[in-house]
Amino acid sequence: MQGTEYGDLSLEHSMRSELRQLLLEDRPLKVYCGYDPTATDLHLGHTITIRKLRQFQDLGHEVTFLIGDYTALIGDPSDKNKTRPILAKEEVQRNAKTFAEQAFNILDSKKTVVRYNSEWLSELGFVKLIELAQQFTVQQFLARNNFALRIADKEPIYLHETFYALMQGYDAVAMEADVQVGGTDQLFNIVVAGRKLQQSMGLQPQVGIVLGILPGTDGEQRMSKTMGNHIPINSSPEDMFGKIMSIPDHAMDAYWRLATRYSPDQIERYAALMESGKKHPKDAKMELASEITDIFWGAHQSEQAKLHFETVFQAGALPGYIDDYNVDRGSSLIDVLIDCEFSESRSAARRLIEQGAVKLNSVKILDINTKLDGYDNVILQVGKRRVINLVIGV
């Protein structure tokens, strides 16, 4: 139950009690979490639920990684203040291809069942949909916070958006799930829609393991590729380490609780050390970045990423997070300065170089004929404020 948030003590007590009763049955539980392939990459926020699946997996339970290729066609409105665009089926299928492969960075591929909810939702007829809809009232949907806000802001709510909870609830029915894992934005879908539909069909209602939402690198909004505050799990160790170092101090608690392997006791000790002033926030964040990078890349790569951060970012007085920019190998430095909008003209770019204002990996460049050869990634810095990570292509 570590990392769970229900917003209601009685609901938390009920879920904990029901989980205990299921465990006493001394059988592998059917546990799943669904992921809508609305983008190509999984980010650190997705891994909160994936790591919870791995905990169940390590304890001998049956884990299903469910790809919501059908629910993705609608898009989950749970945390949205506007209608999501409907994705094309071809786009969803392209995104879905990479999801499970990325998830196996955490899950044991040999013990994981991968399913697609089109398997049963594509066969759901209109009569069946009416039967499912009979279990809910319009008031239940309109009372949900995101819908209530949209009504107050006079934003439209389209009828198809209410289908999402029915579809996700039916996932639990189709898989006869014992446990569904999800974020707090899925609370209604898991503990209301899923359980209610299971009960209406004579099944034992699932236990909802509802986890907190990881904030993005801004420390405020939930992690999202759309918001640009995400940390892709397939990014380089150096990029992952640097982005974690860029999070605000106040967001560290959520990262310790949700994104590390630390026990609640260990996390409490860290909090106490920071509160007492015995551990500086920067040192704590270095340990946090090392731990998370270690999870995905191993101890050696994590240590190398730490050294990279210390030598390139700290010694060069650079920010902890720098945007990426793709350039062709062999590009001239002058062209790159213009393309990155660090200079308005070639003559101005030449002057910047000649004046010693341009650095590559903290090394001052004085040759106006410099080309980007011999690098894979390189930090381009102009003055103190203009910095970008150049990703060198073929």
Protein backbone atom coordinates (compact mmCIF):
# COMPACT_ATOMS: atom_id res chain seq x y z
CA MET A 1 0.00 0.00 0.00
CA GLN A 2 3.03 2.29 -0.07
CA GLY A 3 2.38 5.39 -2.15
CA THR A 4 -1.43 4.96 -2.14
CA GLU A 5 -3.70 7.99 -1.92
CA TYR A 6 -7.48 7.73 -1.69
CA GLY A 7 -8.46 11.11 -0.27
CA ASP A 8 -10.78 9.29 2.10
CA LEU A 9 -9.72 7.31 5.17
CA SER A 10 -12.74 5.01 5.11
CA LEU A 11 -12.09 4.07 1.48
CA GLU A 12 -8.41 3.45 2.23
CA HIS A 13 -9.36 1.24 5.19
CA SER A 14 -11.85 -0.66 3.02
CA MET A 15 -9.32 -1.29 0.22
CA ARG A 16 -6.65 -2.36 2.70
CA SER A 17 -9.07 -4.75 4.42
CA GLU A 18 -10.28 -6.25 1.12
CA LEU A 19 -6.72 -6.73 -0.10
CA ARG A 20 -5.83 -8.54 3.10
CA GLN A 21 -8.80 -10.88 2.66
CA LEU A 22 -7.76 -11.64 -0.93
CA LEU A 23 -4.21 -12.43 0.19
CA LEU A 24 -5.54 -14.82 2.82
CA GLU A 25 -7.03 -16.90 -0.01
CA ASP A 26 -3.42 -17.98 -0.63
CA ARG A 27 -3.54 -17.87 -4.44
CA PRO A 28 -1.94 -15.69 -7.09
CA LEU A 29 -4.07 -12.58 -7.57
CA LYS A 30 -4.94 -11.25 -11.02
CA VAL A 31 -3.41 -7.77 -11.04
CA TYR A 32 -3.38 -5.28 -13.89
CA CYS A 33 -2.91 -1.70 -14.92
CA GLY A 34 -3.95 -0.14 -18.21
CA TYR A 35 -1.89 2.27 -20.30
CA ASP A 36 -3.36 4.24 -23.18
CA PRO A 37 -0.81 4.61 -26.00
CA THR A 38 -1.54 8.28 -26.68
CA ALA A 39 2.20 8.97 -27.17
CA THR A 40 5.20 6.91 -28.27
CA ASP A 41 7.22 7.03 -25.04
CA LEU A 42 6.66 6.10 -21.44
CA HIS A 43 7.95 8.61 -18.92
CA LEU A 44 8.88 8.42 -15.26
CA GLY A 45 5.30 9.21 -14.24
CA HIS A 46 4.06 6.01 -15.94
CA THR A 47 6.56 3.92 -14.01
CA ILE A 48 4.93 4.61 -10.64
CA THR A 49 2.19 2.12 -11.43
CA ILE A 50 4.56 -0.18 -13.35
CA ARG A 51 6.80 -0.50 -10.30
CA LYS A 52 3.75 -1.36 -8.19
CA LEU A 53 2.95 -4.11 -10.69
CA ARG A 54 6.53 -5.36 -10.28
CA GLN A 55 6.05 -5.55 -6.51
CA PHE A 56 3.02 -7.80 -7.02
CA GLN A 57 4.97 -9.77 -9.60
CA ASP A 58 7.89 -10.35 -7.23
CA LEU A 59 5.43 -11.66 -4.65
CA GLY A 60 4.13 -14.31 -7.04
CA HIS A 61 0.98 -12.70 -8.44
CA GLU A 62 -0.25 -12.72 -12.05
CA VAL A 63 0.44 -9.36 -13.68
CA THR A 64 -1.14 -8.09 -16.89
CA PHE A 65 0.20 -5.04 -18.69
CA LEU A 66 -2.93 -3.85 -20.48
CA ILE A 67 -2.51 -1.64 -23.51
CA GLY A 68 -5.63 0.46 -23.96
CA ASP A 69 -5.64 0.61 -27.72
CA TYR A 70 -9.44 1.03 -27.70
CA THR A 71 -9.75 3.42 -24.75
CA ALA A 72 -7.00 5.52 -26.36
CA LEU A 73 -9.32 6.17 -29.31
CA ILE A 74 -11.47 8.26 -26.94
CA GLY A 75 -8.82 9.53 -24.55
CA ASP A 76 -9.20 9.63 -20.80
CA PRO A 77 -10.99 12.82 -19.66
CA SER A 78 -10.24 12.20 -15.97
CA ASP A 79 -7.64 14.96 -15.57
CA LYS A 80 -8.54 17.13 -18.54
CA ASN A 81 -10.27 20.52 -18.51
CA LYS A 82 -10.93 20.28 -22.24
CA THR A 83 -12.02 17.57 -24.65
CA ARG A 84 -9.14 15.44 -25.85
CA PRO A 85 -8.75 15.01 -29.61
CA ILE A 86 -9.73 11.58 -30.90
CA LEU A 87 -6.64 9.74 -32.14
CA ALA A 88 -6.51 7.84 -35.40
CA LYS A 89 -6.40 4.06 -35.03
CA GLU A 90 -3.13 3.90 -36.98
CA GLU A 91 -1.47 6.38 -34.61
CA VAL A 92 -2.60 4.40 -31.57
CA GLN A 93 -1.21 1.18 -33.06
CA ARG A 94 2.17 2.80 -33.78
CA ASN A 95 2.41 4.07 -30.22
CA ALA A 96 1.34 0.74 -28.72
CA LYS A 97 4.24 -1.14 -30.35
CA THR A 98 6.82 0.47 -28.08
CA PHE A 99 4.89 0.47 -24.80
CA ALA A 100 5.43 -3.08 -23.55
CA GLU A 101 9.06 -3.09 -24.62
CA GLN A 102 9.71 0.03 -22.54
CA ALA A 103 7.77 -1.39 -19.59
CA PHE A 104 10.10 -4.39 -19.52
CA ASN A 105 12.76 -2.06 -18.15
CA ILE A 106 10.89 -2.70 -14.89
CA LEU A 107 8.63 -5.71 -15.35
CA ASP A 108 9.84 -9.28 -15.78
CA SER A 109 8.99 -9.97 -19.41
CA LYS A 110 8.80 -13.72 -18.78
CA LYS A 111 6.16 -13.26 -16.08
CA THR A 112 4.12 -10.49 -17.71
CA VAL A 113 0.97 -10.98 -19.76
CA VAL A 114 0.47 -8.25 -22.37
CA ARG A 115 -3.09 -7.73 -23.58
CA TYR A 116 -4.99 -5.17 -25.64
CA ASN A 117 -8.48 -4.08 -24.61
CA SER A 118 -9.64 -4.09 -28.23
CA GLU A 119 -9.80 -7.84 -27.63
CA TRP A 120 -13.16 -7.40 -25.85
CA LEU A 121 -14.19 -3.78 -26.40
CA SER A 122 -14.26 -4.20 -30.18
CA GLU A 123 -16.82 -6.98 -29.66
CA LEU A 124 -19.03 -4.92 -27.33
CA GLY A 125 -22.41 -4.46 -29.03
CA PHE A 126 -24.81 -1.57 -28.56
CA VAL A 127 -27.21 -3.59 -26.42
CA LYS A 128 -24.37 -4.50 -24.08
CA LEU A 129 -23.31 -0.86 -23.90
CA ILE A 130 -26.84 0.07 -22.82
CA GLU A 131 -26.67 -2.59 -20.08
CA LEU A 132 -23.41 -1.14 -18.81
CA ALA A 133 -24.76 2.42 -18.92
CA GLN A 134 -27.77 1.40 -16.79
CA GLN A 135 -25.44 1.01 -13.81
CA PHE A 136 -24.65 4.75 -13.64
CA THR A 137 -26.43 8.07 -13.40
CA VAL A 138 -25.61 11.25 -15.29
CA GLN A 139 -25.21 12.96 -11.90
CA GLN A 140 -22.33 10.62 -11.01
CA PHE A 141 -20.38 11.80 -14.02
CA LEU A 142 -21.24 15.48 -13.68
CA ALA A 143 -20.15 15.44 -10.03
CA ARG A 144 -16.61 14.46 -11.03
CA ASN A 145 -14.24 17.34 -10.41
CA ASN A 146 -12.98 17.79 -13.96
CA PHE A 147 -16.49 17.78 -15.44
CA ALA A 148 -17.76 20.16 -12.74
CA LEU A 149 -14.94 22.58 -13.53
CA ARG A 150 -15.70 22.43 -17.23
CA ILE A 151 -19.37 23.20 -16.57
CA ALA A 152 -18.35 26.16 -14.42
CA ASP A 153 -16.01 27.39 -17.19
CA LYS A 154 -18.73 26.78 -19.81
CA GLU A 155 -16.49 24.27 -21.58
CA PRO A 156 -18.36 21.54 -23.51
CA ILE A 157 -18.59 17.96 -22.26
CA TYR A 158 -19.24 15.53 -25.07
CA LEU A 159 -21.26 12.38 -24.57
CA HIS A 160 -18.49 10.07 -25.78
CA GLU A 161 -16.30 11.20 -22.85
CA THR A 162 -18.60 9.45 -20.41
CA PHE A 163 -17.98 6.18 -22.28
CA TYR A 164 -14.39 6.07 -21.04
CA ALA A 165 -15.29 5.02 -17.49
CA LEU A 166 -17.62 2.31 -18.86
CA MET A 167 -14.89 1.00 -21.13
CA GLN A 168 -12.26 0.92 -18.41
CA GLY A 169 -14.73 -0.62 -15.99
CA TYR A 170 -15.47 -3.33 -18.51
CA ASP A 171 -11.73 -4.09 -18.74
CA ALA A 172 -11.92 -5.27 -15.12
CA VAL A 173 -14.93 -7.43 -15.95
CA ALA A 174 -13.33 -9.00 -19.03
CA MET A 175 -10.16 -9.91 -17.14
CA GLU A 176 -11.96 -10.90 -13.92
CA ALA A 177 -9.42 -8.75 -12.10
CA ASP A 178 -8.71 -9.05 -8.39
CA VAL A 179 -6.63 -5.86 -8.25
CA GLN A 180 -6.37 -2.82 -10.50
CA VAL A 181 -3.49 -0.39 -10.11
CA GLY A 182 -3.84 3.24 -11.18
CA GLY A 183 -3.27 6.89 -10.32
CA THR A 184 -5.54 9.14 -8.27
CA ASP A 185 -6.97 10.52 -11.52
CA GLN A 186 -8.40 7.02 -12.09
CA LEU A 187 -10.16 6.78 -8.71
CA PHE A 188 -13.68 6.92 -10.18
CA ASN A 189 -12.86 4.51 -13.00
CA ILE A 190 -11.31 1.96 -10.63
CA VAL A 191 -13.27 2.00 -7.39
CA VAL A 192 -16.64 3.06 -8.79
CA ALA A 193 -16.98 2.00 -12.44
CA GLY A 194 -14.86 -1.16 -12.37
CA ARG A 195 -16.16 -2.50 -9.06
CA LYS A 196 -19.79 -1.67 -9.85
CA LEU A 197 -19.73 -3.40 -13.23
CA GLN A 198 -18.03 -6.46 -11.74
CA GLN A 199 -20.66 -6.71 -9.01
CA SER A 200 -23.50 -6.28 -11.53
CA MET A 201 -22.16 -9.33 -13.37
CA GLY A 202 -21.78 -11.50 -10.32
CA LEU A 203 -18.01 -11.05 -9.92
CA GLN A 204 -16.10 -10.20 -6.79
CA PRO A 205 -15.24 -6.47 -6.95
CA GLN A 206 -11.60 -5.66 -7.49
CA VAL A 207 -9.36 -3.90 -4.99
CA GLY A 208 -8.13 -0.54 -6.19
CA ILE A 209 -4.48 0.29 -5.53
CA VAL A 210 -4.66 4.03 -6.20
CA LEU A 211 -1.31 5.80 -6.26
CA GLY A 212 -0.24 9.43 -6.03
CA ILE A 213 0.59 11.36 -9.20
CA LEU A 214 4.22 12.24 -9.84
CA PRO A 215 4.74 15.94 -10.56
CA GLY A 216 6.83 16.91 -13.55
CA THR A 217 10.15 18.69 -13.54
CA ASP A 218 8.32 21.97 -12.81
CA GLY A 219 7.22 20.50 -9.47
CA GLU A 220 3.63 21.66 -9.98
CA GLN A 221 1.79 20.02 -12.89
CA ARG A 222 1.55 16.26 -13.31
CA MET A 223 4.30 14.83 -15.47
CA SER A 224 3.22 14.99 -19.09
CA LYS A 225 4.87 15.02 -22.48
CA THR A 226 2.30 17.60 -23.58
CA MET A 227 3.35 19.89 -20.74
CA GLY A 228 7.03 19.40 -21.61
CA ASN A 229 7.88 18.57 -17.98
CA HIS A 230 8.43 14.84 -18.44
CA ILE A 231 11.45 12.56 -17.99
CA PRO A 232 11.42 9.84 -20.70
CA ILE A 233 12.60 6.46 -19.42
CA ASN A 234 14.43 5.84 -22.69
CA SER A 235 16.47 9.04 -22.36
CA SER A 236 20.21 8.82 -21.67
CA PRO A 237 21.49 8.36 -18.08
CA GLU A 238 22.98 11.87 -18.22
CA ASP A 239 19.71 13.39 -19.39
CA MET A 240 17.68 11.55 -16.74
CA PHE A 241 20.09 12.55 -13.98
CA GLY A 242 20.14 16.19 -15.08
CA LYS A 243 16.37 16.47 -15.32
CA ILE A 244 15.89 15.04 -11.84
CA MET A 245 18.42 17.56 -10.54
CA SER A 246 16.27 20.30 -12.08
CA ILE A 247 13.15 19.57 -10.00
CA PRO A 248 12.29 22.07 -7.25
CA ASP A 249 13.23 21.09 -3.69
CA HIS A 250 9.61 20.89 -2.59
CA ALA A 251 8.90 18.15 -5.17
CA MET A 252 11.55 15.79 -3.80
CA ASP A 253 9.20 14.22 -1.26
CA ALA A 254 6.88 12.95 -4.02
CA TYR A 255 9.83 11.58 -5.99
CA TRP A 256 11.22 9.77 -2.91
CA ARG A 257 7.81 8.22 -2.15
CA LEU A 258 6.77 7.31 -5.67
CA ALA A 259 9.85 6.86 -7.84
CA THR A 260 12.47 5.15 -5.63
CA ARG A 261 13.00 1.74 -4.07
CA TYR A 262 13.30 3.25 -0.61
CA SER A 263 11.13 2.00 2.25
CA PRO A 264 8.80 4.37 4.17
CA ASP A 265 11.25 4.31 7.11
CA GLN A 266 14.16 5.34 4.87
CA ILE A 267 12.12 8.17 3.35
CA GLU A 268 11.12 9.43 6.80
CA ARG A 269 14.78 9.49 7.85
CA TYR A 270 15.66 11.56 4.77
CA ALA A 271 12.84 14.00 5.52
CA ALA A 272 14.00 14.35 9.12
CA LEU A 273 17.61 14.98 8.09
CA MET A 274 16.56 17.69 5.64
CA GLU A 275 14.17 19.31 8.08
CA SER A 276 16.87 19.44 10.76
CA GLY A 277 19.37 20.93 8.30
CA LYS A 278 21.75 17.99 8.64
CA LYS A 279 21.40 17.20 4.93
CA HIS A 280 21.50 19.92 2.30
CA PRO A 281 18.69 19.73 -0.31
CA LYS A 282 21.27 19.66 -3.13
CA ASP A 283 23.00 16.62 -1.61
CA ALA A 284 19.65 14.90 -1.10
CA LYS A 285 18.71 15.60 -4.71
CA MET A 286 22.02 14.15 -5.92
CA GLU A 287 21.22 10.94 -4.03
CA LEU A 288 17.68 10.97 -5.45
CA ALA A 289 18.97 11.39 -9.02
CA SER A 290 21.52 8.59 -8.46
CA GLU A 291 18.85 6.23 -7.12
CA ILE A 292 16.37 6.78 -9.96
CA THR A 293 19.04 6.63 -12.67
CA ASP A 294 20.35 3.42 -11.07
CA ILE A 295 16.88 1.84 -11.36
CA PHE A 296 16.87 2.23 -15.15
CA TRP A 297 20.54 2.18 -16.07
CA GLY A 298 22.41 0.39 -13.28
CA ALA A 299 24.97 1.57 -10.72
CA HIS A 300 27.85 2.15 -13.14
CA GLN A 301 25.86 4.31 -15.57
CA SER A 302 24.32 6.18 -12.65
CA GLU A 303 27.75 7.01 -11.25
CA GLN A 304 28.95 8.14 -14.69
CA ALA A 305 25.89 10.37 -15.04
CA LYS A 306 26.65 11.89 -11.65
CA LEU A 307 30.25 12.61 -12.67
CA HIS A 308 29.00 14.12 -15.94
CA PHE A 309 26.65 16.40 -14.04
CA GLU A 310 29.36 17.47 -11.60
CA THR A 311 31.95 18.22 -14.27
CA VAL A 312 29.79 19.67 -17.04
CA PHE A 313 26.92 21.31 -15.19
CA GLN A 314 28.29 22.32 -11.80
CA ALA A 315 31.82 23.23 -12.88
CA GLY A 316 30.46 25.10 -15.87
CA ALA A 317 27.77 26.83 -13.80
CA LEU A 318 25.07 25.46 -16.10
CA PRO A 319 21.42 24.80 -15.22
CA GLY A 320 20.40 21.29 -14.13
CA TYR A 321 18.03 20.82 -17.07
CA ILE A 322 18.80 21.78 -20.66
CA ASP A 323 16.60 21.35 -23.74
CA ASP A 324 17.74 19.01 -26.52
CA TYR A 325 18.28 20.16 -30.10
CA ASN A 326 18.98 17.77 -32.98
CA VAL A 327 21.71 18.72 -35.47
CA ASP A 328 23.49 16.93 -38.30
CA ARG A 329 27.02 15.64 -37.76
CA GLY A 330 29.51 17.95 -39.45
CA SER A 331 27.29 21.03 -39.17
CA SER A 332 29.20 24.27 -38.84
CA LEU A 333 29.07 25.96 -35.46
CA ILE A 334 27.96 29.20 -37.10
CA ASP A 335 24.97 27.49 -38.76
CA VAL A 336 23.99 25.86 -35.46
CA LEU A 337 24.11 29.18 -33.62
CA ILE A 338 21.67 30.61 -36.16
CA ASP A 339 19.42 27.53 -36.21
CA CYS A 340 19.20 27.57 -32.39
CA GLU A 341 18.33 31.28 -32.55
CA PHE A 342 21.38 32.10 -30.44
CA SER A 343 22.45 34.51 -33.18
CA GLU A 344 20.46 36.54 -35.70
CA SER A 345 23.05 36.41 -38.51
CA ARG A 346 26.27 34.75 -39.64
CA SER A 347 28.27 37.90 -39.01
CA ALA A 348 26.88 38.15 -35.48
CA ALA A 349 27.68 34.44 -34.92
CA ARG A 350 31.28 35.00 -36.05
CA ARG A 351 31.62 37.91 -33.62
CA LEU A 352 30.33 35.79 -30.72
CA ILE A 353 32.95 33.12 -31.44
CA GLU A 354 35.79 35.61 -31.90
CA GLN A 355 34.86 37.34 -28.64
CA GLY A 356 35.05 34.03 -26.73
CA ALA A 357 31.35 33.95 -25.86
CA VAL A 358 30.75 30.45 -27.29
CA LYS A 359 31.59 27.22 -25.44
CA LEU A 360 31.21 23.53 -26.27
CA ASN A 361 31.13 21.35 -23.14
CA SER A 362 32.42 24.34 -21.15
CA VAL A 363 35.44 24.73 -23.51
CA LYS A 364 35.75 28.15 -25.15
CA ILE A 365 35.69 27.99 -28.97
CA LEU A 366 37.60 30.67 -30.93
CA ASP A 367 37.74 29.12 -34.40
CA ILE A 368 34.89 30.40 -36.60
CA ASN A 369 35.32 27.36 -38.90
CA THR A 370 34.53 24.83 -36.14
CA LYS A 371 32.33 21.91 -37.20
CA LEU A 372 30.43 19.48 -34.99
CA ASP A 373 32.48 16.34 -35.56
CA GLY A 374 33.73 13.96 -32.91
CA TYR A 375 30.70 14.46 -30.62
CA ASP A 376 27.52 12.52 -29.92
CA ASN A 377 26.07 15.03 -27.46
CA VAL A 378 27.60 18.41 -26.67
CA ILE A 379 26.50 21.31 -24.49
CA LEU A 380 26.45 24.57 -26.46
CA GLN A 381 26.65 27.67 -24.31
CA VAL A 382 26.53 31.30 -25.42
CA GLY A 383 27.15 33.70 -22.57
CA LYS A 384 25.64 32.71 -19.24
CA ARG A 385 21.98 32.30 -20.10
CA ARG A 386 21.74 30.63 -23.51
CA VAL A 387 22.41 26.90 -23.16
CA ILE A 388 21.26 23.89 -25.19
CA ASN A 389 22.16 20.20 -25.49
CA LEU A 390 23.10 19.42 -29.08
CA VAL A 391 22.21 15.84 -30.07
CA ILE A 392 24.46 15.02 -33.00
CA GLY A 393 22.87 12.93 -35.74
CA VAL A 394 24.49 10.75 -38.41
